[in-house]
Amino acid sequence: MLKQSLLEEISARISEVMAASPARDVEKNLKASLAGLLGRLDLVTREEFDVQAQVLAQTREQLRVLEERLARLEGGGT
């Protein structure tokens, strides 16, 4: 029990030191810079990507149906 308490206290103190250290500021600045960079890129969300993938799948199916229909019409007219 004493060991656990000592470990918790050490962990808490390390967290305090890290929160007050320049490393925390560097981390914040890096995250802000990265967020700014990613914000300028032309990216889509996963949800938008999934919607477009579904639209593409439907379009491919429609194209397949139309190609089959055209093949039947061309075959029947000859």
PDB file of N, CA and C in Angstrom:
ATOM      1  N   MET A   1       0.818  -1.177   0.000  1.00  0.00           N
ATOM      2  CA  MET A   1       0.000   0.000   0.000  1.00  0.00           C
ATOM      3  C   MET A   1       0.874   1.258   0.000  1.00  0.00           C
ATOM      4  N   LEU A   2       1.922   1.224   0.830  1.00  0.00           N
ATOM      5  CA  LEU A   2       2.836   2.359   0.903  1.00  0.00           C
ATOM      6  C   LEU A   2       3.523   2.562  -0.442  1.00  0.00           C
ATOM      7  N   LYS A   3       3.856   1.443  -1.085  1.00  0.00           N
ATOM      8  CA  LYS A   3       4.504   1.508  -2.394  1.00  0.00           C
ATOM      9  C   LYS A   3       3.592   2.191  -3.416  1.00  0.00           C
ATOM     10  N   GLN A   4       2.315   1.817  -3.410  1.00  0.00           N
ATOM     11  CA  GLN A   4       1.345   2.381  -4.346  1.00  0.00           C
ATOM     12  C   GLN A   4       1.187   3.881  -4.108  1.00  0.00           C
ATOM     13  N   SER A   5       1.095   4.272  -2.849  1.00  0.00           N
ATOM     14  CA  SER A   5       0.943   5.679  -2.489  1.00  0.00           C
ATOM     15  C   SER A   5       2.165   6.477  -2.932  1.00  0.00           C
ATOM     16  N   LEU A   6       3.340   5.915  -2.726  1.00  0.00           N
ATOM     17  CA  LEU A   6       4.581   6.578  -3.121  1.00  0.00           C
ATOM     18  C   LEU A   6       4.634   6.741  -4.644  1.00  0.00           C
ATOM     19  N   LEU A   7       4.243   5.695  -5.374  1.00  0.00           N
ATOM     20  CA  LEU A   7       4.233   5.773  -6.830  1.00  0.00           C
ATOM     21  C   LEU A   7       3.246   6.824  -7.325  1.00  0.00           C
ATOM     22  N   GLU A   8       2.082   6.887  -6.692  1.00  0.00           N
ATOM     23  CA  GLU A   8       1.087   7.887  -7.080  1.00  0.00           C
ATOM     24  C   GLU A   8       1.598   9.300  -6.819  1.00  0.00           C
ATOM     25  N   GLU A   9       2.272   9.493  -5.702  1.00  0.00           N
ATOM     26  CA  GLU A   9       2.810  10.813  -5.381  1.00  0.00           C
ATOM     27  C   GLU A   9       3.908  11.210  -6.366  1.00  0.00           C
ATOM     28  N   ILE A  10       4.775  10.282  -6.688  1.00  0.00           N
ATOM     29  CA  ILE A  10       5.841  10.559  -7.663  1.00  0.00           C
ATOM     30  C   ILE A  10       5.232  10.891  -9.019  1.00  0.00           C
ATOM     31  N   SER A  11       4.236  10.124  -9.430  1.00  0.00           N
ATOM     32  CA  SER A  11       3.576  10.363 -10.703  1.00  0.00           C
ATOM     33  C   SER A  11       2.920  11.740 -10.734  1.00  0.00           C
ATOM     34  N   ALA A  12       2.266  12.114  -9.645  1.00  0.00           N
ATOM     35  CA  ALA A  12       1.619  13.422  -9.563  1.00  0.00           C
ATOM     36  C   ALA A  12       2.646  14.545  -9.658  1.00  0.00           C
ATOM     37  N   ARG A  13       3.769  14.379  -8.982  1.00  0.00           N
ATOM     38  CA  ARG A  13       4.808  15.417  -9.021  1.00  0.00           C
ATOM     39  C   ARG A  13       5.445  15.523 -10.401  1.00  0.00           C
ATOM     40  N   ILE A  14       5.639  14.399 -11.049  1.00  0.00           N
ATOM     41  CA  ILE A  14       6.180  14.420 -12.409  1.00  0.00           C
ATOM     42  C   ILE A  14       5.212  15.137 -13.343  1.00  0.00           C
ATOM     43  N   SER A  15       3.933  14.858 -13.179  1.00  0.00           N
ATOM     44  CA  SER A  15       2.918  15.527 -14.002  1.00  0.00           C
ATOM     45  C   SER A  15       2.927  17.031 -13.774  1.00  0.00           C
ATOM     46  N   GLU A  16       3.077  17.441 -12.516  1.00  0.00           N
ATOM     47  CA  GLU A  16       3.145  18.871 -12.193  1.00  0.00           C
ATOM     48  C   GLU A  16       4.348  19.517 -12.861  1.00  0.00           C
ATOM     49  N   VAL A  17       5.485  18.863 -12.766  1.00  0.00           N
ATOM     50  CA  VAL A  17       6.711  19.402 -13.354  1.00  0.00           C
ATOM     51  C   VAL A  17       6.570  19.490 -14.870  1.00  0.00           C
ATOM     52  N   MET A  18       6.023  18.445 -15.487  1.00  0.00           N
ATOM     53  CA  MET A  18       5.855  18.443 -16.942  1.00  0.00           C
ATOM     54  C   MET A  18       4.877  19.531 -17.377  1.00  0.00           C
ATOM     55  N   ALA A  19       3.824  19.750 -16.599  1.00  0.00           N
ATOM     56  CA  ALA A  19       2.833  20.766 -16.950  1.00  0.00           C
ATOM     57  C   ALA A  19       3.435  22.165 -16.897  1.00  0.00           C
ATOM     58  N   ALA A  20       4.393  22.372 -16.001  1.00  0.00           N
ATOM     59  CA  ALA A  20       5.014  23.690 -15.848  1.00  0.00           C
ATOM     60  C   ALA A  20       6.291  23.832 -16.672  1.00  0.00           C
ATOM     61  N   SER A  21       6.691  22.802 -17.378  1.00  0.00           N
ATOM     62  CA  SER A  21       7.971  22.851 -18.085  1.00  0.00           C
ATOM     63  C   SER A  21       7.813  23.444 -19.486  1.00  0.00           C
ATOM     64  N   PRO A  22       8.912  23.869 -20.068  1.00  0.00           N
ATOM     65  CA  PRO A  22       8.882  24.370 -21.446  1.00  0.00           C
ATOM     66  C   PRO A  22       8.444  23.291 -22.442  1.00  0.00           C
ATOM     67  N   ALA A  23       8.614  22.037 -22.083  1.00  0.00           N
ATOM     68  CA  ALA A  23       8.196  20.956 -22.983  1.00  0.00           C
ATOM     69  C   ALA A  23       6.697  21.033 -23.240  1.00  0.00           C
ATOM     70  N   ARG A  24       5.927  21.434 -22.249  1.00  0.00           N
ATOM     71  CA  ARG A  24       4.471  21.562 -22.397  1.00  0.00           C
ATOM     72  C   ARG A  24       4.151  22.670 -23.398  1.00  0.00           C
ATOM     73  N   ASP A  25       4.901  23.785 -23.307  1.00  0.00           N
ATOM     74  CA  ASP A  25       4.694  24.883 -24.254  1.00  0.00           C
ATOM     75  C   ASP A  25       5.056  24.456 -25.672  1.00  0.00           C
ATOM     76  N   VAL A  26       6.138  23.705 -25.796  1.00  0.00           N
ATOM     77  CA  VAL A  26       6.549  23.214 -27.117  1.00  0.00           C
ATOM     78  C   VAL A  26       5.461  22.307 -27.688  1.00  0.00           C
ATOM     79  N   GLU A  27       4.902  21.451 -26.842  1.00  0.00           N
ATOM     80  CA  GLU A  27       3.841  20.555 -27.289  1.00  0.00           C
ATOM     81  C   GLU A  27       2.624  21.350 -27.764  1.00  0.00           C
ATOM     82  N   LYS A  28       2.229  22.360 -26.993  1.00  0.00           N
ATOM     83  CA  LYS A  28       1.087  23.194 -27.372  1.00  0.00           C
ATOM     84  C   LYS A  28       1.346  23.898 -28.699  1.00  0.00           C
ATOM     85  N   ASN A  29       2.544  24.473 -28.850  1.00  0.00           N
ATOM     86  CA  ASN A  29       2.892  25.179 -30.086  1.00  0.00           C
ATOM     87  C   ASN A  29       2.930  24.241 -31.279  1.00  0.00           C
ATOM     88  N   LEU A  30       3.453  23.048 -31.067  1.00  0.00           N
ATOM     89  CA  LEU A  30       3.522  22.068 -32.140  1.00  0.00           C
ATOM     90  C   LEU A  30       2.121  21.644 -32.572  1.00  0.00           C
ATOM     91  N   LYS A  31       1.254  21.399 -31.599  1.00  0.00           N
ATOM     92  CA  LYS A  31      -0.129  21.022 -31.919  1.00  0.00           C
ATOM     93  C   LYS A  31      -0.836  22.141 -32.679  1.00  0.00           C
ATOM     94  N   ALA A  32      -0.635  23.381 -32.256  1.00  0.00           N
ATOM     95  CA  ALA A  32      -1.276  24.523 -32.929  1.00  0.00           C
ATOM     96  C   ALA A  32      -0.754  24.666 -34.355  1.00  0.00           C
ATOM     97  N   SER A  33       0.551  24.502 -34.527  1.00  0.00           N
ATOM     98  CA  SER A  33       1.134  24.597 -35.866  1.00  0.00           C
ATOM     99  C   SER A  33       0.626  23.490 -36.769  1.00  0.00           C
ATOM    100  N   LEU A  34       0.566  22.301 -36.236  1.00  0.00           N
ATOM    101  CA  LEU A  34       0.083  21.155 -37.008  1.00  0.00           C
ATOM    102  C   LEU A  34      -1.385  21.339 -37.382  1.00  0.00           C
ATOM    103  N   ALA A  35      -2.186  21.815 -36.445  1.00  0.00           N
ATOM    104  CA  ALA A  35      -3.602  22.059 -36.719  1.00  0.00           C
ATOM    105  C   ALA A  35      -3.755  23.119 -37.807  1.00  0.00           C
ATOM    106  N   GLY A  36      -2.937  24.159 -37.765  1.00  0.00           N
ATOM    107  CA  GLY A  36      -2.980  25.199 -38.795  1.00  0.00           C
ATOM    108  C   GLY A  36      -2.594  24.662 -40.157  1.00  0.00           C
ATOM    109  N   LEU A  37      -1.570  23.846 -40.198  1.00  0.00           N
ATOM    110  CA  LEU A  37      -1.123  23.261 -41.457  1.00  0.00           C
ATOM    111  C   LEU A  37      -2.180  22.343 -42.043  1.00  0.00           C
ATOM    112  N   LEU A  38      -2.742  21.485 -41.216  1.00  0.00           N
ATOM    113  CA  LEU A  38      -3.775  20.571 -41.694  1.00  0.00           C
ATOM    114  C   LEU A  38      -5.031  21.329 -42.115  1.00  0.00           C
ATOM    115  N   GLY A  39      -5.299  22.450 -41.455  1.00  0.00           N
ATOM    116  CA  GLY A  39      -6.459  23.258 -41.806  1.00  0.00           C
ATOM    117  C   GLY A  39      -6.344  23.865 -43.192  1.00  0.00           C
ATOM    118  N   ARG A  40      -5.126  24.118 -43.643  1.00  0.00           N
ATOM    119  CA  ARG A  40      -4.917  24.708 -44.966  1.00  0.00           C
ATOM    120  C   ARG A  40      -4.936  23.680 -46.080  1.00  0.00           C
ATOM    121  N   LEU A  41      -4.810  22.407 -45.733  1.00  0.00           N
ATOM    122  CA  LEU A  41      -4.839  21.364 -46.750  1.00  0.00           C
ATOM    123  C   LEU A  41      -6.275  21.100 -47.170  1.00  0.00           C
ATOM    124  N   ASP A  42      -6.436  20.631 -48.380  1.00  0.00           N
ATOM    125  CA  ASP A  42      -7.768  20.348 -48.906  1.00  0.00           C
ATOM    126  C   ASP A  42      -8.130  18.913 -48.554  1.00  0.00           C
ATOM    127  N   LEU A  43      -8.531  18.709 -47.294  1.00  0.00           N
ATOM    128  CA  LEU A  43      -8.844  17.378 -46.809  1.00  0.00           C
ATOM    129  C   LEU A  43     -10.342  17.227 -46.591  1.00  0.00           C
ATOM    130  N   VAL A  44     -10.811  16.007 -46.642  1.00  0.00           N
ATOM    131  CA  VAL A  44     -12.214  15.732 -46.346  1.00  0.00           C
ATOM    132  C   VAL A  44     -12.296  14.853 -45.104  1.00  0.00           C
ATOM    133  N   THR A  45     -13.449  14.903 -44.465  1.00  0.00           N
ATOM    134  CA  THR A  45     -13.642  14.062 -43.294  1.00  0.00           C
ATOM    135  C   THR A  45     -13.898  12.627 -43.745  1.00  0.00           C
ATOM    136  N   ARG A  46     -13.801  11.709 -42.826  1.00  0.00           N
ATOM    137  CA  ARG A  46     -14.069  10.302 -43.125  1.00  0.00           C
ATOM    138  C   ARG A  46     -15.519  10.138 -43.574  1.00  0.00           C
ATOM    139  N   GLU A  47     -16.420  10.873 -42.929  1.00  0.00           N
ATOM    140  CA  GLU A  47     -17.845  10.799 -43.286  1.00  0.00           C
ATOM    141  C   GLU A  47     -18.064  11.256 -44.733  1.00  0.00           C
ATOM    142  N   GLU A  48     -17.432  12.366 -45.117  1.00  0.00           N
ATOM    143  CA  GLU A  48     -17.565  12.854 -46.501  1.00  0.00           C
ATOM    144  C   GLU A  48     -16.987  11.838 -47.487  1.00  0.00           C
ATOM    145  N   PHE A  49     -15.862  11.248 -47.119  1.00  0.00           N
ATOM    146  CA  PHE A  49     -15.245  10.245 -47.978  1.00  0.00           C
ATOM    147  C   PHE A  49     -16.167   9.046 -48.162  1.00  0.00           C
ATOM    148  N   ASP A  50     -16.760   8.571 -47.067  1.00  0.00           N
ATOM    149  CA  ASP A  50     -17.654   7.417 -47.133  1.00  0.00           C
ATOM    150  C   ASP A  50     -18.878   7.708 -47.996  1.00  0.00           C
ATOM    151  N   VAL A  51     -19.423   8.917 -47.882  1.00  0.00           N
ATOM    152  CA  VAL A  51     -20.573   9.302 -48.706  1.00  0.00           C
ATOM    153  C   VAL A  51     -20.192   9.277 -50.174  1.00  0.00           C
ATOM    154  N   GLN A  52     -19.047   9.843 -50.501  1.00  0.00           N
ATOM    155  CA  GLN A  52     -18.624   9.879 -51.900  1.00  0.00           C
ATOM    156  C   GLN A  52     -18.308   8.478 -52.430  1.00  0.00           C
ATOM    157  N   ALA A  53     -17.772   7.618 -51.584  1.00  0.00           N
ATOM    158  CA  ALA A  53     -17.510   6.232 -51.989  1.00  0.00           C
ATOM    159  C   ALA A  53     -18.822   5.525 -52.304  1.00  0.00           C
ATOM    160  N   GLN A  54     -19.850   5.798 -51.512  1.00  0.00           N
ATOM    161  CA  GLN A  54     -21.167   5.199 -51.761  1.00  0.00           C
ATOM    162  C   GLN A  54     -21.765   5.728 -53.065  1.00  0.00           C
ATOM    163  N   VAL A  55     -21.648   7.021 -53.306  1.00  0.00           N
ATOM    164  CA  VAL A  55     -22.140   7.612 -54.558  1.00  0.00           C
ATOM    165  C   VAL A  55     -21.415   6.977 -55.743  1.00  0.00           C
ATOM    166  N   LEU A  56     -20.114   6.791 -55.622  1.00  0.00           N
ATOM    167  CA  LEU A  56     -19.340   6.171 -56.702  1.00  0.00           C
ATOM    168  C   LEU A  56     -19.793   4.739 -56.951  1.00  0.00           C
ATOM    169  N   ALA A  57     -20.042   3.986 -55.907  1.00  0.00           N
ATOM    170  CA  ALA A  57     -20.503   2.604 -56.049  1.00  0.00           C
ATOM    171  C   ALA A  57     -21.851   2.566 -56.767  1.00  0.00           C
ATOM    172  N   GLN A  58     -22.755   3.469 -56.401  1.00  0.00           N
ATOM    173  CA  GLN A  58     -24.057   3.527 -57.064  1.00  0.00           C
ATOM    174  C   GLN A  58     -23.908   3.905 -58.534  1.00  0.00           C
ATOM    175  N   THR A  59     -23.022   4.841 -58.813  1.00  0.00           N
ATOM    176  CA  THR A  59     -22.788   5.267 -60.195  1.00  0.00           C
ATOM    177  C   THR A  59     -22.203   4.125 -61.018  1.00  0.00           C
ATOM    178  N   ARG A  60     -21.295   3.385 -60.438  1.00  0.00           N
ATOM    179  CA  ARG A  60     -20.723   2.234 -61.144  1.00  0.00           C
ATOM    180  C   ARG A  60     -21.794   1.191 -61.455  1.00  0.00           C
ATOM    181  N   GLU A  61     -22.699   0.962 -60.511  1.00  0.00           N
ATOM    182  CA  GLU A  61     -23.781   0.003 -60.736  1.00  0.00           C
ATOM    183  C   GLU A  61     -24.702   0.490 -61.851  1.00  0.00           C
ATOM    184  N   GLN A  62     -25.030   1.763 -61.851  1.00  0.00           N
ATOM    185  CA  GLN A  62     -25.861   2.313 -62.920  1.00  0.00           C
ATOM    186  C   GLN A  62     -25.169   2.186 -64.271  1.00  0.00           C
ATOM    187  N   LEU A  63     -23.886   2.435 -64.314  1.00  0.00           N
ATOM    188  CA  LEU A  63     -23.126   2.298 -65.550  1.00  0.00           C
ATOM    189  C   LEU A  63     -23.131   0.855 -66.032  1.00  0.00           C
ATOM    190  N   ARG A  64     -22.972  -0.084 -65.107  1.00  0.00           N
ATOM    191  CA  ARG A  64     -22.989  -1.495 -65.484  1.00  0.00           C
ATOM    192  C   ARG A  64     -24.329  -1.870 -66.104  1.00  0.00           C
ATOM    193  N   VAL A  65     -25.422  -1.411 -65.486  1.00  0.00           N
ATOM    194  CA  VAL A  65     -26.766  -1.704 -65.998  1.00  0.00           C
ATOM    195  C   VAL A  65     -26.942  -1.107 -67.388  1.00  0.00           C
ATOM    196  N   LEU A  66     -26.517   0.134 -67.570  1.00  0.00           N
ATOM    197  CA  LEU A  66     -26.650   0.793 -68.872  1.00  0.00           C
ATOM    198  C   LEU A  66     -25.793   0.114 -69.938  1.00  0.00           C
ATOM    199  N   GLU A  67     -24.589  -0.329 -69.563  1.00  0.00           N
ATOM    200  CA  GLU A  67     -23.735  -1.038 -70.523  1.00  0.00           C
ATOM    201  C   GLU A  67     -24.385  -2.344 -70.961  1.00  0.00           C
ATOM    202  N   GLU A  68     -24.984  -3.057 -70.022  1.00  0.00           N
ATOM    203  CA  GLU A  68     -25.678  -4.307 -70.374  1.00  0.00           C
ATOM    204  C   GLU A  68     -26.861  -4.024 -71.297  1.00  0.00           C
ATOM    205  N   ARG A  69     -27.599  -2.984 -70.982  1.00  0.00           N
ATOM    206  CA  ARG A  69     -28.753  -2.609 -71.812  1.00  0.00           C
ATOM    207  C   ARG A  69     -28.299  -2.239 -73.225  1.00  0.00           C
ATOM    208  N   LEU A  70     -27.231  -1.462 -73.307  1.00  0.00           N
ATOM    209  CA  LEU A  70     -26.705  -1.066 -74.616  1.00  0.00           C
ATOM    210  C   LEU A  70     -26.245  -2.286 -75.401  1.00  0.00           C
ATOM    211  N   ALA A  71     -25.586  -3.202 -74.703  1.00  0.00           N
ATOM    212  CA  ALA A  71     -25.105  -4.419 -75.378  1.00  0.00           C
ATOM    213  C   ALA A  71     -26.283  -5.220 -75.921  1.00  0.00           C
ATOM    214  N   ARG A  72     -27.365  -5.331 -75.164  1.00  0.00           N
ATOM    215  CA  ARG A  72     -28.563  -6.033 -75.627  1.00  0.00           C
ATOM    216  C   ARG A  72     -29.183  -5.336 -76.827  1.00  0.00           C
ATOM    217  N   LEU A  73     -29.266  -3.999 -76.771  1.00  0.00           N
ATOM    218  CA  LEU A  73     -29.854  -3.245 -77.871  1.00  0.00           C
ATOM    219  C   LEU A  73     -29.013  -3.361 -79.140  1.00  0.00           C
ATOM    220  N   GLU A  74     -27.698  -3.293 -78.965  1.00  0.00           N
ATOM    221  CA  GLU A  74     -26.814  -3.420 -80.137  1.00  0.00           C
ATOM    222  C   GLU A  74     -26.852  -4.843 -80.685  1.00  0.00           C
ATOM    223  N   GLY A  75     -26.935  -5.812 -79.809  1.00  0.00           N
ATOM    224  CA  GLY A  75     -26.985  -7.211 -80.246  1.00  0.00           C
ATOM    225  C   GLY A  75     -28.295  -7.556 -80.917  1.00  0.00           C
ATOM    226  N   GLY A  76     -29.381  -7.004 -80.441  1.00  0.00           N
ATOM    227  CA  GLY A  76     -30.703  -7.279 -81.001  1.00  0.00           C
ATOM    228  C   GLY A  76     -30.940  -6.552 -82.295  1.00  0.00           C
ATOM    229  N   GLY A  77     -30.257  -5.459 -82.531  1.00  0.00           N
ATOM    230  CA  GLY A  77     -30.472  -4.675 -83.760  1.00  0.00           C
ATOM    231  C   GLY A  77     -29.662  -5.172 -84.936  1.00  0.00           C
ATOM    232  N   THR A  78     -28.742  -6.084 -84.719  1.00  0.00           N
ATOM    233  CA  THR A  78     -27.881  -6.554 -85.814  1.00  0.00           C
ATOM    234  C   THR A  78     -28.388  -7.771 -86.478  1.00  0.00           C
TER     235      THR A  78
END
